[in-house]
Amino acid sequence: MQKTSLYHGYVYFVFFVKVLFLLAIIAQLYAKFYAPEKLEDAKSWKDYFENIFIILMAMLLLYLFSHSHVNIEREERILFAIFAIIIILHTYRML
């Protein structure tokens, strides 16, 4: 499978959303301890970026596994590992 610059741009965009998600988690922790009045806003941003990340990863999975020959590189393996951890934590939180 030949990967185009559009594909690489998409993977970098997913990483960017993941960084935003991590920053939202940090903002939520900060708000929890230092600015409780902003906690609800921080939670909503964290949830927003988490949902965007899950949707983007699901779309990436659909793209990767729709081809007959799957060649997964290091960046994708990291993304899949992060995705699996988020799904596990999200499922655990829902229990």
C-alpha atoms as a PDB file:
ATOM      1  CA  MET A   1       0.000   0.000   0.000  1.00  0.00           C
ATOM      2  CA  GLN A   2       1.536   3.286  -1.092  1.00  0.00           C
ATOM      3  CA  LYS A   3       0.930   6.031   1.412  1.00  0.00           C
ATOM      4  CA  THR A   4       0.289   9.491   0.058  1.00  0.00           C
ATOM      5  CA  SER A   5       1.026  12.852   1.570  1.00  0.00           C
ATOM      6  CA  LEU A   6      -2.707  13.129   2.319  1.00  0.00           C
ATOM      7  CA  TYR A   7      -2.447   9.987   4.417  1.00  0.00           C
ATOM      8  CA  HIS A   8       0.583  11.298   6.301  1.00  0.00           C
ATOM      9  CA  GLY A   9      -1.181  14.613   6.833  1.00  0.00           C
ATOM     10  CA  TYR A  10      -4.135  12.731   8.293  1.00  0.00           C
ATOM     11  CA  VAL A  11      -1.871  10.789  10.691  1.00  0.00           C
ATOM     12  CA  TYR A  12      -0.218  14.028  11.833  1.00  0.00           C
ATOM     13  CA  PHE A  13      -3.668  15.575  12.329  1.00  0.00           C
ATOM     14  CA  VAL A  14      -4.615  12.621  14.548  1.00  0.00           C
ATOM     15  CA  PHE A  15      -1.448  13.201  16.591  1.00  0.00           C
ATOM     16  CA  PHE A  16      -2.357  16.889  16.858  1.00  0.00           C
ATOM     17  CA  VAL A  17      -5.838  16.036  18.161  1.00  0.00           C
ATOM     18  CA  LYS A  18      -4.240  13.626  20.635  1.00  0.00           C
ATOM     19  CA  VAL A  19      -2.000  16.406  21.948  1.00  0.00           C
ATOM     20  CA  LEU A  20      -5.049  18.656  22.323  1.00  0.00           C
ATOM     21  CA  PHE A  21      -6.776  15.853  24.224  1.00  0.00           C
ATOM     22  CA  LEU A  22      -3.802  15.548  26.596  1.00  0.00           C
ATOM     23  CA  LEU A  23      -3.777  19.316  27.126  1.00  0.00           C
ATOM     24  CA  ALA A  24      -7.501  19.191  27.910  1.00  0.00           C
ATOM     25  CA  ILE A  25      -6.824  16.498  30.524  1.00  0.00           C
ATOM     26  CA  ILE A  26      -4.159  18.699  32.104  1.00  0.00           C
ATOM     27  CA  ALA A  27      -6.564  21.662  32.054  1.00  0.00           C
ATOM     28  CA  GLN A  28      -9.215  19.526  33.738  1.00  0.00           C
ATOM     29  CA  LEU A  29      -6.797  18.499  36.488  1.00  0.00           C
ATOM     30  CA  TYR A  30      -5.763  22.118  36.955  1.00  0.00           C
ATOM     31  CA  ALA A  31      -9.390  23.239  37.156  1.00  0.00           C
ATOM     32  CA  LYS A  32     -10.217  20.490  39.623  1.00  0.00           C
ATOM     33  CA  PHE A  33      -7.677  21.781  42.133  1.00  0.00           C
ATOM     34  CA  TYR A  34      -7.260  25.483  41.383  1.00  0.00           C
ATOM     35  CA  ALA A  35     -10.362  26.726  39.548  1.00  0.00           C
ATOM     36  CA  PRO A  36     -13.406  24.589  40.413  1.00  0.00           C
ATOM     37  CA  GLU A  37     -15.730  27.043  38.649  1.00  0.00           C
ATOM     38  CA  LYS A  38     -14.044  26.148  35.324  1.00  0.00           C
ATOM     39  CA  LEU A  39     -14.187  22.373  35.890  1.00  0.00           C
ATOM     40  CA  GLU A  40     -17.317  21.811  33.797  1.00  0.00           C
ATOM     41  CA  ASP A  41     -15.824  23.658  30.809  1.00  0.00           C
ATOM     42  CA  ALA A  42     -12.607  21.664  31.092  1.00  0.00           C
ATOM     43  CA  LYS A  43     -14.555  18.397  31.217  1.00  0.00           C
ATOM     44  CA  SER A  44     -16.538  19.294  28.117  1.00  0.00           C
ATOM     45  CA  TRP A  45     -13.351  20.112  26.155  1.00  0.00           C
ATOM     46  CA  LYS A  46     -11.753  16.862  27.265  1.00  0.00           C
ATOM     47  CA  ASP A  47     -14.824  14.886  26.207  1.00  0.00           C
ATOM     48  CA  TYR A  48     -14.951  16.728  22.882  1.00  0.00           C
ATOM     49  CA  PHE A  49     -11.322  15.956  21.980  1.00  0.00           C
ATOM     50  CA  GLU A  50     -11.663  12.370  23.192  1.00  0.00           C
ATOM     51  CA  ASN A  51     -14.654  11.791  20.928  1.00  0.00           C
ATOM     52  CA  ILE A  52     -12.920  13.431  17.961  1.00  0.00           C
ATOM     53  CA  PHE A  53      -9.859  11.250  18.527  1.00  0.00           C
ATOM     54  CA  ILE A  54     -11.960   8.072  18.695  1.00  0.00           C
ATOM     55  CA  ILE A  55     -13.768   8.960  15.486  1.00  0.00           C
ATOM     56  CA  LEU A  56     -10.498   9.764  13.677  1.00  0.00           C
ATOM     57  CA  MET A  57      -8.929   6.503  14.832  1.00  0.00           C
ATOM     58  CA  ALA A  58     -11.954   4.520  13.746  1.00  0.00           C
ATOM     59  CA  MET A  59     -11.731   6.146  10.314  1.00  0.00           C
ATOM     60  CA  LEU A  60      -8.024   5.301  10.165  1.00  0.00           C
ATOM     61  CA  LEU A  61      -8.773   1.693  11.045  1.00  0.00           C
ATOM     62  CA  LEU A  62     -11.375   1.524   8.313  1.00  0.00           C
ATOM     63  CA  TYR A  63      -8.903   2.916   5.795  1.00  0.00           C
ATOM     64  CA  LEU A  64      -6.005   0.675   6.818  1.00  0.00           C
ATOM     65  CA  PHE A  65      -7.956  -2.536   6.903  1.00  0.00           C
ATOM     66  CA  SER A  66      -9.917  -1.866   3.728  1.00  0.00           C
ATOM     67  CA  HIS A  67      -6.783  -2.648   1.714  1.00  0.00           C
ATOM     68  CA  SER A  68      -5.665  -6.207   1.112  1.00  0.00           C
ATOM     69  CA  HIS A  69      -2.035  -5.653   2.148  1.00  0.00           C
ATOM     70  CA  VAL A  70      -1.714  -3.899   5.483  1.00  0.00           C
ATOM     71  CA  ASN A  71       1.702  -2.405   6.193  1.00  0.00           C
ATOM     72  CA  ILE A  72       1.572  -0.774   9.606  1.00  0.00           C
ATOM     73  CA  GLU A  73       4.491   1.491  10.473  1.00  0.00           C
ATOM     74  CA  ARG A  74       5.704   2.714  13.841  1.00  0.00           C
ATOM     75  CA  GLU A  75       3.468   5.814  13.989  1.00  0.00           C
ATOM     76  CA  GLU A  76       0.329   3.795  13.372  1.00  0.00           C
ATOM     77  CA  ARG A  77       1.337   1.196  15.949  1.00  0.00           C
ATOM     78  CA  ILE A  78       1.699   3.964  18.537  1.00  0.00           C
ATOM     79  CA  LEU A  79      -1.689   5.385  17.580  1.00  0.00           C
ATOM     80  CA  PHE A  80      -3.317   1.954  17.825  1.00  0.00           C
ATOM     81  CA  ALA A  81      -1.754   1.410  21.247  1.00  0.00           C
ATOM     82  CA  ILE A  82      -3.009   4.794  22.461  1.00  0.00           C
ATOM     83  CA  PHE A  83      -6.430   4.049  20.981  1.00  0.00           C
ATOM     84  CA  ALA A  84      -6.581   0.684  22.756  1.00  0.00           C
ATOM     85  CA  ILE A  85      -5.631   2.277  26.082  1.00  0.00           C
ATOM     86  CA  ILE A  86      -8.302   4.948  25.691  1.00  0.00           C
ATOM     87  CA  ILE A  87     -10.952   2.365  24.807  1.00  0.00           C
ATOM     88  CA  ILE A  88      -9.985   0.251  27.817  1.00  0.00           C
ATOM     89  CA  LEU A  89     -10.030   3.226  30.184  1.00  0.00           C
ATOM     90  CA  HIS A  90     -13.262   4.516  28.708  1.00  0.00           C
ATOM     91  CA  THR A  91     -14.885   1.101  29.084  1.00  0.00           C
ATOM     92  CA  TYR A  92     -13.581   0.791  32.635  1.00  0.00           C
ATOM     93  CA  ARG A  93     -14.968   4.216  33.503  1.00  0.00           C
ATOM     94  CA  MET A  94     -18.371   3.252  32.146  1.00  0.00           C
ATOM     95  CA  LEU A  95     -18.585   0.166  34.416  1.00  0.00           C
END
